Amino acid sequence: MEERSFVSHAIARFVRISPQKARLVADLVRDRFVGEALTILHFSNKKKASQIIEKVLRSAVANAQQKVPNLDVDNLFIGQIYVNQGPQMKRVRPAPMGRAFRIQKKMSHVHVYLEEKKGR
């Protein structure tokens, strides 16, 4: 199996969005170049998730530029992007007849890994 070398990565932990909703947006930009992915995220109708993933992606690009000063950003490619489930905040909502319903406010961890592809 081929060893992948990533130029940089960025992680957003404990983000207040459900992993299921964030994964829908992550699937849109997986295996794309950074410029194309940023355009997709900017015009996505999943507003909250796309803003979070766009912020993490821009952070990964900034990390790559910091790490390798003469790096061409147009050659950066999303090598891996995945969303893991974080902890849940449990809340109670009053219900009829003295009962209570439990609300689970879910959190996510978003991971973005960039690699460089020559000859686009």
N, C-alpha and C. Protein backbone atom coordinates (compact mmCIF):
# COMPACT_ATOMS: atom_id res chain seq x y z
N MET A 1 0.84 -1.18 0.00
CA MET A 1 0.00 0.00 0.00
C MET A 1 0.88 1.24 0.00
N GLU A 2 0.47 2.24 -0.72
CA GLU A 2 1.24 3.47 -0.87
C GLU A 2 1.15 4.33 0.39
N GLU A 3 2.30 4.83 0.82
CA GLU A 3 2.35 5.71 1.99
C GLU A 3 2.01 7.13 1.54
N ARG A 4 1.03 7.75 2.19
CA ARG A 4 0.63 9.11 1.83
C ARG A 4 1.36 10.09 2.72
N SER A 5 1.84 11.16 2.10
CA SER A 5 2.51 12.20 2.89
C SER A 5 1.65 13.46 2.83
N PHE A 6 1.18 13.87 3.98
CA PHE A 6 0.32 15.04 4.05
C PHE A 6 1.16 16.28 4.32
N VAL A 7 0.82 17.36 3.62
CA VAL A 7 1.54 18.62 3.81
C VAL A 7 1.15 19.24 5.15
N SER A 8 -0.14 19.25 5.44
CA SER A 8 -0.59 19.84 6.70
C SER A 8 -1.96 19.27 7.06
N HIS A 9 -2.39 19.61 8.26
CA HIS A 9 -3.72 19.21 8.69
C HIS A 9 -4.26 20.23 9.69
N ALA A 10 -5.56 20.18 9.88
CA ALA A 10 -6.23 21.03 10.87
C ALA A 10 -7.38 20.24 11.46
N ILE A 11 -7.63 20.49 12.74
CA ILE A 11 -8.68 19.78 13.46
C ILE A 11 -9.52 20.79 14.23
N ALA A 12 -10.83 20.70 14.08
CA ALA A 12 -11.75 21.50 14.90
C ALA A 12 -12.46 20.53 15.82
N ARG A 13 -12.26 20.71 17.11
CA ARG A 13 -12.84 19.78 18.07
C ARG A 13 -13.98 20.44 18.82
N PHE A 14 -14.93 19.62 19.26
CA PHE A 14 -16.07 20.05 20.06
C PHE A 14 -16.90 21.13 19.34
N VAL A 15 -17.15 20.92 18.06
CA VAL A 15 -17.96 21.85 17.26
C VAL A 15 -19.42 21.49 17.47
N ARG A 16 -20.26 22.49 17.73
CA ARG A 16 -21.66 22.26 18.05
C ARG A 16 -22.51 22.04 16.80
N ILE A 17 -22.30 20.91 16.15
CA ILE A 17 -23.14 20.49 15.03
C ILE A 17 -23.15 18.97 15.05
N SER A 18 -24.25 18.38 14.63
CA SER A 18 -24.33 16.92 14.68
C SER A 18 -23.39 16.33 13.61
N PRO A 19 -22.76 15.22 13.92
CA PRO A 19 -21.84 14.61 12.95
C PRO A 19 -22.52 14.20 11.65
N GLN A 20 -23.77 13.80 11.74
CA GLN A 20 -24.50 13.38 10.55
C GLN A 20 -24.63 14.54 9.56
N LYS A 21 -24.95 15.73 10.06
CA LYS A 21 -25.10 16.90 9.19
C LYS A 21 -23.76 17.36 8.65
N ALA A 22 -22.72 17.29 9.47
CA ALA A 22 -21.39 17.72 9.01
C ALA A 22 -20.82 16.75 7.98
N ARG A 23 -21.13 15.46 8.11
CA ARG A 23 -20.62 14.47 7.15
C ARG A 23 -21.21 14.69 5.76
N LEU A 24 -22.44 15.18 5.68
CA LEU A 24 -23.05 15.46 4.37
C LEU A 24 -22.22 16.48 3.61
N VAL A 25 -21.73 17.50 4.30
CA VAL A 25 -20.93 18.54 3.65
C VAL A 25 -19.52 18.03 3.39
N ALA A 26 -18.97 17.25 4.32
CA ALA A 26 -17.61 16.72 4.13
C ALA A 26 -17.55 15.82 2.89
N ASP A 27 -18.63 15.09 2.62
CA ASP A 27 -18.67 14.23 1.44
C ASP A 27 -18.66 15.03 0.15
N LEU A 28 -19.15 16.27 0.19
CA LEU A 28 -19.17 17.11 -1.01
C LEU A 28 -17.77 17.51 -1.46
N VAL A 29 -16.86 17.73 -0.50
CA VAL A 29 -15.54 18.27 -0.84
C VAL A 29 -14.43 17.23 -0.77
N ARG A 30 -14.74 16.01 -0.44
CA ARG A 30 -13.71 14.96 -0.35
C ARG A 30 -13.09 14.73 -1.72
N ASP A 31 -11.75 14.57 -1.77
CA ASP A 31 -10.98 14.31 -3.00
C ASP A 31 -11.10 15.43 -4.02
N ARG A 32 -11.04 16.66 -3.55
CA ARG A 32 -11.06 17.82 -4.45
C ARG A 32 -9.90 18.74 -4.14
N PHE A 33 -9.56 19.59 -5.11
CA PHE A 33 -8.55 20.61 -4.87
C PHE A 33 -9.13 21.69 -3.96
N VAL A 34 -8.26 22.41 -3.26
CA VAL A 34 -8.70 23.35 -2.23
C VAL A 34 -9.55 24.47 -2.82
N GLY A 35 -9.14 25.04 -3.94
CA GLY A 35 -9.90 26.14 -4.54
C GLY A 35 -11.31 25.72 -4.93
N GLU A 36 -11.41 24.54 -5.51
CA GLU A 36 -12.72 24.01 -5.90
C GLU A 36 -13.57 23.72 -4.66
N ALA A 37 -12.95 23.18 -3.63
CA ALA A 37 -13.68 22.86 -2.39
C ALA A 37 -14.20 24.12 -1.71
N LEU A 38 -13.39 25.18 -1.68
CA LEU A 38 -13.83 26.43 -1.06
C LEU A 38 -15.01 27.04 -1.81
N THR A 39 -15.01 26.92 -3.14
CA THR A 39 -16.14 27.41 -3.93
C THR A 39 -17.40 26.61 -3.62
N ILE A 40 -17.28 25.30 -3.53
CA ILE A 40 -18.44 24.46 -3.21
C ILE A 40 -18.98 24.80 -1.83
N LEU A 41 -18.09 24.97 -0.85
CA LEU A 41 -18.52 25.29 0.51
C LEU A 41 -19.18 26.66 0.58
N HIS A 42 -18.66 27.61 -0.19
CA HIS A 42 -19.21 28.97 -0.16
C HIS A 42 -20.65 28.99 -0.66
N PHE A 43 -20.95 28.19 -1.68
CA PHE A 43 -22.29 28.20 -2.28
C PHE A 43 -23.17 27.05 -1.81
N SER A 44 -22.75 26.34 -0.78
CA SER A 44 -23.54 25.22 -0.28
C SER A 44 -24.76 25.73 0.47
N ASN A 45 -25.85 24.97 0.41
CA ASN A 45 -27.05 25.39 1.12
C ASN A 45 -27.08 24.87 2.56
N LYS A 46 -26.13 24.03 2.93
CA LYS A 46 -26.00 23.60 4.32
C LYS A 46 -25.10 24.61 5.03
N LYS A 47 -25.69 25.71 5.45
CA LYS A 47 -24.93 26.89 5.84
C LYS A 47 -24.02 26.66 7.04
N LYS A 48 -24.55 26.13 8.13
CA LYS A 48 -23.75 26.02 9.35
C LYS A 48 -22.59 25.05 9.17
N ALA A 49 -22.86 23.88 8.62
CA ALA A 49 -21.81 22.88 8.44
C ALA A 49 -20.76 23.35 7.44
N SER A 50 -21.19 24.00 6.37
CA SER A 50 -20.23 24.45 5.36
C SER A 50 -19.34 25.57 5.90
N GLN A 51 -19.87 26.43 6.77
CA GLN A 51 -19.04 27.47 7.37
C GLN A 51 -17.99 26.87 8.28
N ILE A 52 -18.35 25.86 9.04
CA ILE A 52 -17.40 25.22 9.96
C ILE A 52 -16.30 24.52 9.17
N ILE A 53 -16.67 23.76 8.15
CA ILE A 53 -15.68 23.01 7.37
C ILE A 53 -14.81 23.97 6.56
N GLU A 54 -15.38 25.07 6.07
CA GLU A 54 -14.59 26.07 5.36
C GLU A 54 -13.54 26.68 6.28
N LYS A 55 -13.90 26.95 7.51
CA LYS A 55 -12.96 27.52 8.47
C LYS A 55 -11.81 26.55 8.75
N VAL A 56 -12.12 25.27 8.91
CA VAL A 56 -11.08 24.26 9.16
C VAL A 56 -10.18 24.11 7.93
N LEU A 57 -10.77 24.14 6.74
CA LEU A 57 -10.00 24.01 5.51
C LEU A 57 -9.05 25.19 5.33
N ARG A 58 -9.53 26.40 5.60
CA ARG A 58 -8.66 27.58 5.51
C ARG A 58 -7.54 27.51 6.55
N SER A 59 -7.82 26.96 7.71
CA SER A 59 -6.79 26.79 8.73
C SER A 59 -5.72 25.80 8.26
N ALA A 60 -6.14 24.72 7.60
CA ALA A 60 -5.18 23.75 7.09
C ALA A 60 -4.30 24.35 6.00
N VAL A 61 -4.89 25.21 5.15
CA VAL A 61 -4.11 25.89 4.10
C VAL A 61 -3.10 26.84 4.74
N ALA A 62 -3.52 27.58 5.76
CA ALA A 62 -2.60 28.49 6.46
C ALA A 62 -1.48 27.71 7.14
N ASN A 63 -1.80 26.55 7.70
CA ASN A 63 -0.77 25.71 8.31
C ASN A 63 0.24 25.23 7.27
N ALA A 64 -0.25 24.90 6.07
CA ALA A 64 0.64 24.45 5.00
C ALA A 64 1.55 25.58 4.55
N GLN A 65 1.01 26.79 4.43
CA GLN A 65 1.82 27.93 4.03
C GLN A 65 2.86 28.27 5.09
N GLN A 66 2.52 28.08 6.34
CA GLN A 66 3.46 28.35 7.43
C GLN A 66 4.57 27.30 7.44
N LYS A 67 4.20 26.07 7.15
CA LYS A 67 5.15 24.96 7.20
C LYS A 67 6.11 24.97 6.01
N VAL A 68 5.55 25.22 4.80
CA VAL A 68 6.35 25.26 3.56
C VAL A 68 6.14 26.63 2.93
N PRO A 69 7.08 27.57 3.10
CA PRO A 69 6.86 28.96 2.67
C PRO A 69 6.60 29.15 1.17
N ASN A 70 7.29 28.41 0.29
CA ASN A 70 7.11 28.63 -1.16
C ASN A 70 6.15 27.61 -1.77
N LEU A 71 5.12 27.28 -1.05
CA LEU A 71 4.14 26.29 -1.50
C LEU A 71 3.12 26.93 -2.43
N ASP A 72 2.78 26.23 -3.51
CA ASP A 72 1.73 26.70 -4.42
C ASP A 72 0.39 26.16 -3.92
N VAL A 73 -0.48 27.07 -3.51
CA VAL A 73 -1.76 26.68 -2.90
C VAL A 73 -2.67 26.01 -3.93
N ASP A 74 -2.49 26.31 -5.21
CA ASP A 74 -3.34 25.71 -6.24
C ASP A 74 -3.13 24.20 -6.36
N ASN A 75 -1.98 23.70 -5.89
CA ASN A 75 -1.70 22.26 -5.97
C ASN A 75 -2.16 21.50 -4.74
N LEU A 76 -2.71 22.19 -3.74
CA LEU A 76 -3.15 21.52 -2.52
C LEU A 76 -4.45 20.76 -2.78
N PHE A 77 -4.51 19.57 -2.24
CA PHE A 77 -5.59 18.63 -2.49
C PHE A 77 -6.06 18.09 -1.15
N ILE A 78 -7.36 17.91 -1.00
CA ILE A 78 -7.89 17.37 0.26
C ILE A 78 -7.64 15.86 0.24
N GLY A 79 -6.62 15.44 0.96
CA GLY A 79 -6.27 14.02 1.01
C GLY A 79 -7.27 13.23 1.83
N GLN A 80 -7.60 13.75 3.01
CA GLN A 80 -8.59 13.10 3.88
C GLN A 80 -9.42 14.19 4.54
N ILE A 81 -10.69 13.90 4.69
CA ILE A 81 -11.56 14.75 5.50
C ILE A 81 -12.57 13.81 6.15
N TYR A 82 -12.68 13.92 7.45
CA TYR A 82 -13.66 13.08 8.13
C TYR A 82 -14.18 13.79 9.36
N VAL A 83 -15.36 13.38 9.78
CA VAL A 83 -16.05 13.97 10.93
C VAL A 83 -16.35 12.86 11.92
N ASN A 84 -15.83 13.01 13.12
CA ASN A 84 -16.09 12.04 14.19
C ASN A 84 -17.06 12.64 15.19
N GLN A 85 -17.72 11.76 15.92
CA GLN A 85 -18.66 12.22 16.93
C GLN A 85 -17.93 12.62 18.19
N GLY A 86 -18.33 13.75 18.76
CA GLY A 86 -17.79 14.20 20.03
C GLY A 86 -18.77 13.88 21.15
N PRO A 87 -18.60 14.50 22.29
CA PRO A 87 -19.52 14.25 23.40
C PRO A 87 -20.89 14.86 23.14
N GLN A 88 -21.86 14.45 23.94
CA GLN A 88 -23.21 14.98 23.82
C GLN A 88 -23.57 15.71 25.10
N MET A 89 -24.21 16.87 24.92
CA MET A 89 -24.77 17.57 26.08
C MET A 89 -26.21 17.12 26.22
N LYS A 90 -26.57 16.64 27.37
CA LYS A 90 -27.92 16.14 27.57
C LYS A 90 -28.74 17.22 28.27
N ARG A 91 -29.89 17.52 27.70
CA ARG A 91 -30.79 18.54 28.23
C ARG A 91 -32.17 17.93 28.40
N VAL A 92 -33.01 18.58 29.20
CA VAL A 92 -34.35 18.08 29.47
C VAL A 92 -35.36 19.11 29.00
N ARG A 93 -36.39 18.62 28.28
CA ARG A 93 -37.47 19.48 27.84
C ARG A 93 -38.75 19.04 28.53
N PRO A 94 -39.42 19.94 29.20
CA PRO A 94 -40.67 19.56 29.86
C PRO A 94 -41.70 19.07 28.83
N ALA A 95 -42.43 18.05 29.21
CA ALA A 95 -43.43 17.45 28.33
C ALA A 95 -44.78 17.44 29.07
N PRO A 96 -45.85 17.12 28.37
CA PRO A 96 -47.17 17.12 29.02
C PRO A 96 -47.29 16.10 30.14
N MET A 97 -48.18 16.36 31.06
CA MET A 97 -48.54 15.47 32.15
C MET A 97 -47.35 15.15 33.06
N GLY A 98 -46.50 16.14 33.29
CA GLY A 98 -45.40 15.98 34.24
C GLY A 98 -44.22 15.16 33.75
N ARG A 99 -44.24 14.79 32.50
CA ARG A 99 -43.11 14.01 31.98
C ARG A 99 -42.02 14.95 31.47
N ALA A 100 -40.92 14.36 31.03
CA ALA A 100 -39.82 15.14 30.48
C ALA A 100 -39.20 14.37 29.32
N PHE A 101 -38.83 15.10 28.28
CA PHE A 101 -38.16 14.51 27.13
C PHE A 101 -36.69 14.91 27.18
N ARG A 102 -35.83 13.98 26.80
CA ARG A 102 -34.41 14.27 26.80
C ARG A 102 -33.99 14.78 25.43
N ILE A 103 -33.21 15.84 25.41
CA ILE A 103 -32.66 16.41 24.18
C ILE A 103 -31.16 16.16 24.21
N GLN A 104 -30.61 15.65 23.12
CA GLN A 104 -29.17 15.42 23.02
C GLN A 104 -28.58 16.43 22.05
N LYS A 105 -27.76 17.33 22.57
CA LYS A 105 -27.08 18.31 21.72
C LYS A 105 -25.72 17.73 21.37
N LYS A 106 -25.56 17.36 20.10
CA LYS A 106 -24.38 16.60 19.68
C LYS A 106 -23.25 17.52 19.25
N MET A 107 -22.03 17.03 19.42
CA MET A 107 -20.83 17.75 19.00
C MET A 107 -20.03 16.88 18.04
N SER A 108 -19.15 17.54 17.28
CA SER A 108 -18.36 16.84 16.28
C SER A 108 -16.90 17.25 16.38
N HIS A 109 -16.04 16.39 15.84
CA HIS A 109 -14.63 16.70 15.63
C HIS A 109 -14.38 16.61 14.13
N VAL A 110 -13.93 17.71 13.51
CA VAL A 110 -13.71 17.76 12.06
C VAL A 110 -12.20 17.71 11.80
N HIS A 111 -11.76 16.76 10.96
CA HIS A 111 -10.35 16.58 10.63
C HIS A 111 -10.18 16.80 9.13
N VAL A 112 -9.20 17.65 8.74
CA VAL A 112 -8.89 17.89 7.34
C VAL A 112 -7.39 17.70 7.15
N TYR A 113 -7.00 16.84 6.20
CA TYR A 113 -5.60 16.60 5.87
C TYR A 113 -5.37 16.98 4.41
N LEU A 114 -4.35 17.80 4.16
CA LEU A 114 -4.04 18.26 2.81
C LEU A 114 -2.77 17.58 2.30
N GLU A 115 -2.77 17.29 1.01
CA GLU A 115 -1.56 16.80 0.36
C GLU A 115 -1.35 17.59 -0.92
N GLU A 116 -0.15 17.51 -1.46
CA GLU A 116 0.19 18.29 -2.65
C GLU A 116 0.19 17.37 -3.85
N LYS A 117 -0.50 17.81 -4.92
CA LYS A 117 -0.52 17.06 -6.17
C LYS A 117 0.08 17.93 -7.25
N LYS A 118 1.08 17.42 -7.93
CA LYS A 118 1.75 18.16 -9.00
C LYS A 118 0.98 17.96 -10.31
N GLY A 119 1.12 18.94 -11.20
CA GLY A 119 0.57 18.81 -12.54
C GLY A 119 -0.93 18.72 -12.59
N ARG A 120 -1.59 19.72 -12.10
CA ARG A 120 -3.05 19.75 -12.12
C ARG A 120 -3.48 19.92 -13.52
